[in-house]
mmCIF file of all heavy atoms, coordinates in Angstrom:
data_MODEL
# 
_entry.id   MODEL 
# 
loop_
_atom_site.group_PDB 
_atom_site.id 
_atom_site.type_symbol 
_atom_site.label_atom_id 
_atom_site.label_alt_id 
_atom_site.label_comp_id 
_atom_site.label_asym_id 
_atom_site.label_entity_id 
_atom_site.label_seq_id 
_atom_site.pdbx_PDB_ins_code 
_atom_site.Cartn_x 
_atom_site.Cartn_y 
_atom_site.Cartn_z 
_atom_site.occupancy 
_atom_site.B_iso_or_equiv 
_atom_site.pdbx_formal_charge 
_atom_site.auth_seq_id 
_atom_site.auth_comp_id 
_atom_site.auth_asym_id 
_atom_site.auth_atom_id 
_atom_site.pdbx_PDB_model_num 
ATOM 1   N N   . ALA A 1 1  ? -2.184 7.858   1.450   1.00 0.00 ? 1  ALA A N   1 
ATOM 2   C CA  . ALA A 1 1  ? -2.397 7.512   2.774   1.00 0.00 ? 1  ALA A CA  1 
ATOM 3   C C   . ALA A 1 1  ? -2.058 8.520   3.810   1.00 0.00 ? 1  ALA A C   1 
ATOM 4   O O   . ALA A 1 1  ? -1.014 9.181   3.678   1.00 0.00 ? 1  ALA A O   1 
ATOM 5   C CB  . ALA A 1 1  ? -1.639 6.161   3.128   1.00 0.00 ? 1  ALA A CB  1 
ATOM 6   N N   . GLY A 1 2  ? -2.922 8.831   4.735   1.00 0.00 ? 2  GLY A N   1 
ATOM 7   C CA  . GLY A 1 2  ? -2.628 9.868   5.872   1.00 0.00 ? 2  GLY A CA  1 
ATOM 8   C C   . GLY A 1 2  ? -1.366 9.288   6.687   1.00 0.00 ? 2  GLY A C   1 
ATOM 9   O O   . GLY A 1 2  ? -0.656 10.167  7.137   1.00 0.00 ? 2  GLY A O   1 
ATOM 10  N N   . ALA A 1 3  ? -1.255 8.009   6.999   1.00 0.00 ? 3  ALA A N   1 
ATOM 11  C CA  . ALA A 1 3  ? -0.195 7.461   7.631   1.00 0.00 ? 3  ALA A CA  1 
ATOM 12  C C   . ALA A 1 3  ? 0.538  6.519   6.778   1.00 0.00 ? 3  ALA A C   1 
ATOM 13  O O   . ALA A 1 3  ? 0.162  6.219   5.559   1.00 0.00 ? 3  ALA A O   1 
ATOM 14  C CB  . ALA A 1 3  ? -0.767 6.622   8.991   1.00 0.00 ? 3  ALA A CB  1 
ATOM 15  N N   . ALA A 1 4  ? 1.763  6.081   7.075   1.00 0.00 ? 4  ALA A N   1 
ATOM 16  C CA  . ALA A 1 4  ? 2.578  5.132   6.354   1.00 0.00 ? 4  ALA A CA  1 
ATOM 17  C C   . ALA A 1 4  ? 1.830  3.967   5.952   1.00 0.00 ? 4  ALA A C   1 
ATOM 18  O O   . ALA A 1 4  ? 1.237  3.316   6.863   1.00 0.00 ? 4  ALA A O   1 
ATOM 19  C CB  . ALA A 1 4  ? 3.812  5.004   7.076   1.00 0.00 ? 4  ALA A CB  1 
ATOM 20  N N   . ALA A 1 5  ? 1.774  3.579   4.664   1.00 0.00 ? 5  ALA A N   1 
ATOM 21  C CA  . ALA A 1 5  ? 1.147  2.276   4.281   1.00 0.00 ? 5  ALA A CA  1 
ATOM 22  C C   . ALA A 1 5  ? 2.219  1.125   4.386   1.00 0.00 ? 5  ALA A C   1 
ATOM 23  O O   . ALA A 1 5  ? 3.412  1.434   4.504   1.00 0.00 ? 5  ALA A O   1 
ATOM 24  C CB  . ALA A 1 5  ? 0.727  2.411   2.826   1.00 0.00 ? 5  ALA A CB  1 
ATOM 25  N N   . LEU A 1 6  ? 1.648  -0.011  4.562   1.00 0.00 ? 6  LEU A N   1 
ATOM 26  C CA  . LEU A 1 6  ? 2.425  -1.178  4.662   1.00 0.00 ? 6  LEU A CA  1 
ATOM 27  C C   . LEU A 1 6  ? 2.479  -1.991  3.512   1.00 0.00 ? 6  LEU A C   1 
ATOM 28  O O   . LEU A 1 6  ? 1.473  -2.371  2.956   1.00 0.00 ? 6  LEU A O   1 
ATOM 29  C CB  . LEU A 1 6  ? 1.886  -2.079  5.997   1.00 0.00 ? 6  LEU A CB  1 
ATOM 30  C CG  . LEU A 1 6  ? 1.721  -1.422  7.282   1.00 0.00 ? 6  LEU A CG  1 
ATOM 31  C CD1 . LEU A 1 6  ? 0.903  -2.195  8.203   1.00 0.00 ? 6  LEU A CD1 1 
ATOM 32  C CD2 . LEU A 1 6  ? 2.990  -0.979  7.836   1.00 0.00 ? 6  LEU A CD2 1 
ATOM 33  N N   . PRO A 1 7  ? 3.690  -2.211  2.858   1.00 0.00 ? 7  PRO A N   1 
ATOM 34  C CA  . PRO A 1 7  ? 3.691  -2.991  1.611   1.00 0.00 ? 7  PRO A CA  1 
ATOM 35  C C   . PRO A 1 7  ? 3.124  -4.319  1.818   1.00 0.00 ? 7  PRO A C   1 
ATOM 36  O O   . PRO A 1 7  ? 3.318  -5.002  2.741   1.00 0.00 ? 7  PRO A O   1 
ATOM 37  C CB  . PRO A 1 7  ? 5.347  -3.006  1.373   1.00 0.00 ? 7  PRO A CB  1 
ATOM 38  C CG  . PRO A 1 7  ? 5.782  -1.900  2.098   1.00 0.00 ? 7  PRO A CG  1 
ATOM 39  C CD  . PRO A 1 7  ? 5.067  -1.719  3.328   1.00 0.00 ? 7  PRO A CD  1 
ATOM 40  N N   . THR A 1 8  ? 2.355  -4.676  0.694   1.00 0.00 ? 8  THR A N   1 
ATOM 41  C CA  . THR A 1 8  ? 1.745  -6.036  0.746   1.00 0.00 ? 8  THR A CA  1 
ATOM 42  C C   . THR A 1 8  ? 2.648  -7.025  0.303   1.00 0.00 ? 8  THR A C   1 
ATOM 43  O O   . THR A 1 8  ? 2.354  -8.391  0.579   1.00 0.00 ? 8  THR A O   1 
ATOM 44  C CB  . THR A 1 8  ? 0.515  -5.988  -0.301  1.00 0.00 ? 8  THR A CB  1 
ATOM 45  O OG1 . THR A 1 8  ? 1.012  -5.941  -1.699  1.00 0.00 ? 8  THR A OG1 1 
ATOM 46  C CG2 . THR A 1 8  ? -0.376 -4.804  0.013   1.00 0.00 ? 8  THR A CG2 1 
ATOM 47  N N   . GLY A 1 9  ? 3.811  -6.840  -0.318  1.00 0.00 ? 9  GLY A N   1 
ATOM 48  C CA  . GLY A 1 9  ? 4.694  -7.802  -0.899  1.00 0.00 ? 9  GLY A CA  1 
ATOM 49  C C   . GLY A 1 9  ? 4.358  -8.178  -2.271  1.00 0.00 ? 9  GLY A C   1 
ATOM 50  O O   . GLY A 1 9  ? 5.045  -8.947  -2.890  1.00 0.00 ? 9  GLY A O   1 
ATOM 51  N N   . PHE A 1 10 ? 3.298  -7.537  -2.845  1.00 0.00 ? 10 PHE A N   1 
ATOM 52  C CA  . PHE A 1 10 ? 2.914  -7.769  -4.220  1.00 0.00 ? 10 PHE A CA  1 
ATOM 53  C C   . PHE A 1 10 ? 2.844  -6.499  -4.925  1.00 0.00 ? 10 PHE A C   1 
ATOM 54  O O   . PHE A 1 10 ? 1.986  -5.728  -4.737  1.00 0.00 ? 10 PHE A O   1 
ATOM 55  C CB  . PHE A 1 10 ? 1.546  -8.522  -4.336  1.00 0.00 ? 10 PHE A CB  1 
ATOM 56  C CG  . PHE A 1 10 ? 1.382  -9.774  -3.547  1.00 0.00 ? 10 PHE A CG  1 
ATOM 57  C CD1 . PHE A 1 10 ? 1.062  -9.846  -2.296  1.00 0.00 ? 10 PHE A CD1 1 
ATOM 58  C CD2 . PHE A 1 10 ? 1.818  -10.994 -4.217  1.00 0.00 ? 10 PHE A CD2 1 
ATOM 59  C CE1 . PHE A 1 10 ? 0.971  -11.057 -1.494  1.00 0.00 ? 10 PHE A CE1 1 
ATOM 60  C CE2 . PHE A 1 10 ? 1.727  -12.237 -3.581  1.00 0.00 ? 10 PHE A CE2 1 
ATOM 61  C CZ  . PHE A 1 10 ? 1.411  -12.242 -2.177  1.00 0.00 ? 10 PHE A CZ  1 
ATOM 62  N N   . ALA A 1 11 ? 3.837  -6.287  -5.901  1.00 0.00 ? 11 ALA A N   1 
ATOM 63  C CA  . ALA A 1 11 ? 3.958  -4.836  -6.484  1.00 0.00 ? 11 ALA A CA  1 
ATOM 64  C C   . ALA A 1 11 ? 2.517  -4.627  -7.347  1.00 0.00 ? 11 ALA A C   1 
ATOM 65  O O   . ALA A 1 11 ? 2.162  -3.425  -7.268  1.00 0.00 ? 11 ALA A O   1 
ATOM 66  C CB  . ALA A 1 11 ? 5.080  -4.950  -7.407  1.00 0.00 ? 11 ALA A CB  1 
ATOM 67  N N   . THR A 1 12 ? 2.064  -5.591  -7.945  1.00 0.00 ? 12 THR A N   1 
ATOM 68  C CA  . THR A 1 12 ? 0.709  -5.353  -8.646  1.00 0.00 ? 12 THR A CA  1 
ATOM 69  C C   . THR A 1 12 ? -0.352 -4.807  -7.758  1.00 0.00 ? 12 THR A C   1 
ATOM 70  O O   . THR A 1 12 ? -1.117 -3.838  -8.145  1.00 0.00 ? 12 THR A O   1 
ATOM 71  C CB  . THR A 1 12 ? 0.343  -6.514  -9.354  1.00 0.00 ? 12 THR A CB  1 
ATOM 72  O OG1 . THR A 1 12 ? 1.318  -7.095  -10.235 1.00 0.00 ? 12 THR A OG1 1 
ATOM 73  C CG2 . THR A 1 12 ? -0.897 -6.287  -10.239 1.00 0.00 ? 12 THR A CG2 1 
ATOM 74  N N   . LEU A 1 13 ? -0.448 -5.423  -6.572  1.00 0.00 ? 13 LEU A N   1 
ATOM 75  C CA  . LEU A 1 13 ? -1.503 -4.959  -5.639  1.00 0.00 ? 13 LEU A CA  1 
ATOM 76  C C   . LEU A 1 13 ? -1.220 -3.589  -5.028  1.00 0.00 ? 13 LEU A C   1 
ATOM 77  O O   . LEU A 1 13 ? -2.028 -2.745  -4.854  1.00 0.00 ? 13 LEU A O   1 
ATOM 78  C CB  . LEU A 1 13 ? -1.587 -6.035  -4.480  1.00 0.00 ? 13 LEU A CB  1 
ATOM 79  C CG  . LEU A 1 13 ? -2.635 -5.724  -3.500  1.00 0.00 ? 13 LEU A CG  1 
ATOM 80  C CD1 . LEU A 1 13 ? -4.038 -5.427  -4.063  1.00 0.00 ? 13 LEU A CD1 1 
ATOM 81  C CD2 . LEU A 1 13 ? -2.654 -6.869  -2.386  1.00 0.00 ? 13 LEU A CD2 1 
ATOM 82  N N   . ASP A 1 14 ? 0.114  -3.407  -4.712  1.00 0.00 ? 14 ASP A N   1 
ATOM 83  C CA  . ASP A 1 14 ? 0.536  -2.071  -4.103  1.00 0.00 ? 14 ASP A CA  1 
ATOM 84  C C   . ASP A 1 14 ? 0.149  -0.942  -5.005  1.00 0.00 ? 14 ASP A C   1 
ATOM 85  O O   . ASP A 1 14 ? -0.202 0.166   -4.598  1.00 0.00 ? 14 ASP A O   1 
ATOM 86  C CB  . ASP A 1 14 ? 2.040  -2.032  -3.823  1.00 0.00 ? 14 ASP A CB  1 
ATOM 87  C CG  . ASP A 1 14 ? 2.383  -2.904  -2.700  1.00 0.00 ? 14 ASP A CG  1 
ATOM 88  O OD1 . ASP A 1 14 ? 1.484  -3.160  -1.689  1.00 0.00 ? 14 ASP A OD1 1 
ATOM 89  O OD2 . ASP A 1 14 ? 3.677  -3.249  -2.490  1.00 0.00 ? 14 ASP A OD2 1 
ATOM 90  N N   . ALA A 1 15 ? 0.317  -1.188  -6.359  1.00 0.00 ? 15 ALA A N   1 
ATOM 91  C CA  . ALA A 1 15 ? 0.104  -0.177  -7.346  1.00 0.00 ? 15 ALA A CA  1 
ATOM 92  C C   . ALA A 1 15 ? -1.471 0.302   -7.356  1.00 0.00 ? 15 ALA A C   1 
ATOM 93  O O   . ALA A 1 15 ? -1.825 1.291   -7.834  1.00 0.00 ? 15 ALA A O   1 
ATOM 94  C CB  . ALA A 1 15 ? 0.405  -0.499  -8.742  1.00 0.00 ? 15 ALA A CB  1 
ATOM 95  N N   . GLU A 1 16 ? -2.346 -0.573  -6.864  1.00 0.00 ? 16 GLU A N   1 
ATOM 96  C CA  . GLU A 1 16 ? -3.719 -0.489  -6.883  1.00 0.00 ? 16 GLU A CA  1 
ATOM 97  C C   . GLU A 1 16 ? -4.254 0.206   -5.564  1.00 0.00 ? 16 GLU A C   1 
ATOM 98  O O   . GLU A 1 16 ? -5.515 0.456   -5.441  1.00 0.00 ? 16 GLU A O   1 
ATOM 99  C CB  . GLU A 1 16 ? -4.514 -1.707  -7.224  1.00 0.00 ? 16 GLU A CB  1 
ATOM 100 C CG  . GLU A 1 16 ? -4.248 -2.191  -8.650  1.00 0.00 ? 16 GLU A CG  1 
ATOM 101 C CD  . GLU A 1 16 ? -4.817 -1.341  -9.673  1.00 0.00 ? 16 GLU A CD  1 
ATOM 102 O OE1 . GLU A 1 16 ? -5.741 -0.668  -9.516  1.00 0.00 ? 16 GLU A OE1 1 
ATOM 103 O OE2 . GLU A 1 16 ? -4.136 -1.272  -10.795 1.00 0.00 ? 16 GLU A OE2 1 
ATOM 104 N N   . LEU A 1 17 ? -3.464 0.233   -4.555  1.00 0.00 ? 17 LEU A N   1 
ATOM 105 C CA  . LEU A 1 17 ? -3.866 0.691   -3.211  1.00 0.00 ? 17 LEU A CA  1 
ATOM 106 C C   . LEU A 1 17 ? -3.323 2.169   -2.852  1.00 0.00 ? 17 LEU A C   1 
ATOM 107 O O   . LEU A 1 17 ? -2.229 2.445   -3.172  1.00 0.00 ? 17 LEU A O   1 
ATOM 108 C CB  . LEU A 1 17 ? -3.351 -0.298  -2.252  1.00 0.00 ? 17 LEU A CB  1 
ATOM 109 C CG  . LEU A 1 17 ? -3.908 -1.823  -2.293  1.00 0.00 ? 17 LEU A CG  1 
ATOM 110 C CD1 . LEU A 1 17 ? -3.310 -2.580  -1.172  1.00 0.00 ? 17 LEU A CD1 1 
ATOM 111 C CD2 . LEU A 1 17 ? -5.428 -1.888  -2.342  1.00 0.00 ? 17 LEU A CD2 1 
ATOM 112 N N   . PRO A 1 18 ? -4.293 2.793   -2.291  1.00 0.00 ? 18 PRO A N   1 
ATOM 113 C CA  . PRO A 1 18 ? -3.887 4.222   -1.854  1.00 0.00 ? 18 PRO A CA  1 
ATOM 114 C C   . PRO A 1 18 ? -2.633 4.115   -0.909  1.00 0.00 ? 18 PRO A C   1 
ATOM 115 O O   . PRO A 1 18 ? -2.544 3.293   -0.130  1.00 0.00 ? 18 PRO A O   1 
ATOM 116 C CB  . PRO A 1 18 ? -5.156 4.684   -1.129  1.00 0.00 ? 18 PRO A CB  1 
ATOM 117 C CG  . PRO A 1 18 ? -6.175 3.957   -1.650  1.00 0.00 ? 18 PRO A CG  1 
ATOM 118 C CD  . PRO A 1 18 ? -5.632 2.550   -2.009  1.00 0.00 ? 18 PRO A CD  1 
ATOM 119 N N   . GLY A 1 19 ? -1.578 5.019   -1.211  1.00 0.00 ? 19 GLY A N   1 
ATOM 120 C CA  . GLY A 1 19 ? -0.386 4.923   -0.468  1.00 0.00 ? 19 GLY A CA  1 
ATOM 121 C C   . GLY A 1 19 ? 0.542  3.831   -0.768  1.00 0.00 ? 19 GLY A C   1 
ATOM 122 O O   . GLY A 1 19 ? 1.697  3.736   -0.223  1.00 0.00 ? 19 GLY A O   1 
ATOM 123 N N   . GLY A 1 20 ? 0.138  2.856   -1.612  1.00 0.00 ? 20 GLY A N   1 
ATOM 124 C CA  . GLY A 1 20 ? 1.008  1.901   -1.990  1.00 0.00 ? 20 GLY A CA  1 
ATOM 125 C C   . GLY A 1 20 ? 1.187  0.774   -1.125  1.00 0.00 ? 20 GLY A C   1 
ATOM 126 O O   . GLY A 1 20 ? 2.172  -0.041  -1.060  1.00 0.00 ? 20 GLY A O   1 
ATOM 127 N N   . GLY A 1 21 ? 0.095  0.339   -0.392  1.00 0.00 ? 21 GLY A N   1 
ATOM 128 C CA  . GLY A 1 21 ? 0.055  -0.716  0.568   1.00 0.00 ? 21 GLY A CA  1 
ATOM 129 C C   . GLY A 1 21 ? -1.138 -0.895  1.329   1.00 0.00 ? 21 GLY A C   1 
ATOM 130 O O   . GLY A 1 21 ? -2.021 -0.073  1.289   1.00 0.00 ? 21 GLY A O   1 
ATOM 131 N N   . TRP A 1 22 ? -1.095 -1.830  2.356   1.00 0.00 ? 22 TRP A N   1 
ATOM 132 C CA  . TRP A 1 22 ? -2.111 -1.866  3.309   1.00 0.00 ? 22 TRP A CA  1 
ATOM 133 C C   . TRP A 1 22 ? -2.263 -0.717  4.198   1.00 0.00 ? 22 TRP A C   1 
ATOM 134 O O   . TRP A 1 22 ? -1.234 -0.043  4.538   1.00 0.00 ? 22 TRP A O   1 
ATOM 135 C CB  . TRP A 1 22 ? -2.046 -3.031  4.285   1.00 0.00 ? 22 TRP A CB  1 
ATOM 136 C CG  . TRP A 1 22 ? -1.860 -4.497  3.584   1.00 0.00 ? 22 TRP A CG  1 
ATOM 137 C CD1 . TRP A 1 22 ? -0.807 -5.194  3.695   1.00 0.00 ? 22 TRP A CD1 1 
ATOM 138 C CD2 . TRP A 1 22 ? -2.789 -5.081  2.847   1.00 0.00 ? 22 TRP A CD2 1 
ATOM 139 N NE1 . TRP A 1 22 ? -0.984 -6.341  2.858   1.00 0.00 ? 22 TRP A NE1 1 
ATOM 140 C CE2 . TRP A 1 22 ? -2.428 -6.351  2.534   1.00 0.00 ? 22 TRP A CE2 1 
ATOM 141 C CE3 . TRP A 1 22 ? -4.102 -4.822  2.556   1.00 0.00 ? 22 TRP A CE3 1 
ATOM 142 C CZ2 . TRP A 1 22 ? -3.005 -7.181  1.748   1.00 0.00 ? 22 TRP A CZ2 1 
ATOM 143 C CZ3 . TRP A 1 22 ? -4.822 -5.650  1.783   1.00 0.00 ? 22 TRP A CZ3 1 
ATOM 144 C CH2 . TRP A 1 22 ? -4.235 -6.935  1.381   1.00 0.00 ? 22 TRP A CH2 1 
ATOM 145 N N   . PRO A 1 23 ? -3.423 -0.080  4.461   1.00 0.00 ? 23 PRO A N   1 
ATOM 146 C CA  . PRO A 1 23 ? -3.504 1.020   5.346   1.00 0.00 ? 23 PRO A CA  1 
ATOM 147 C C   . PRO A 1 23 ? -2.996 0.624   6.757   1.00 0.00 ? 23 PRO A C   1 
ATOM 148 O O   . PRO A 1 23 ? -3.286 -0.350  7.320   1.00 0.00 ? 23 PRO A O   1 
ATOM 149 C CB  . PRO A 1 23 ? -5.024 1.314   5.362   1.00 0.00 ? 23 PRO A CB  1 
ATOM 150 C CG  . PRO A 1 23 ? -5.657 0.153   4.969   1.00 0.00 ? 23 PRO A CG  1 
ATOM 151 C CD  . PRO A 1 23 ? -4.731 -0.572  4.016   1.00 0.00 ? 23 PRO A CD  1 
ATOM 152 N N   . ALA A 1 24 ? -2.084 1.538   7.332   1.00 0.00 ? 24 ALA A N   1 
ATOM 153 C CA  . ALA A 1 24 ? -1.367 1.235   8.587   1.00 0.00 ? 24 ALA A CA  1 
ATOM 154 C C   . ALA A 1 24 ? -2.275 1.179   9.788   1.00 0.00 ? 24 ALA A C   1 
ATOM 155 O O   . ALA A 1 24 ? -2.111 0.551   10.794  1.00 0.00 ? 24 ALA A O   1 
ATOM 156 C CB  . ALA A 1 24 ? -0.272 2.113   8.768   1.00 0.00 ? 24 ALA A CB  1 
# 
């Protein structure tokens, strides 16, 4: 992620998302 990602609260989902969370 070019900017800080926001954790989803679900480790399994974070592992599948660029930056490890929702795009900020």
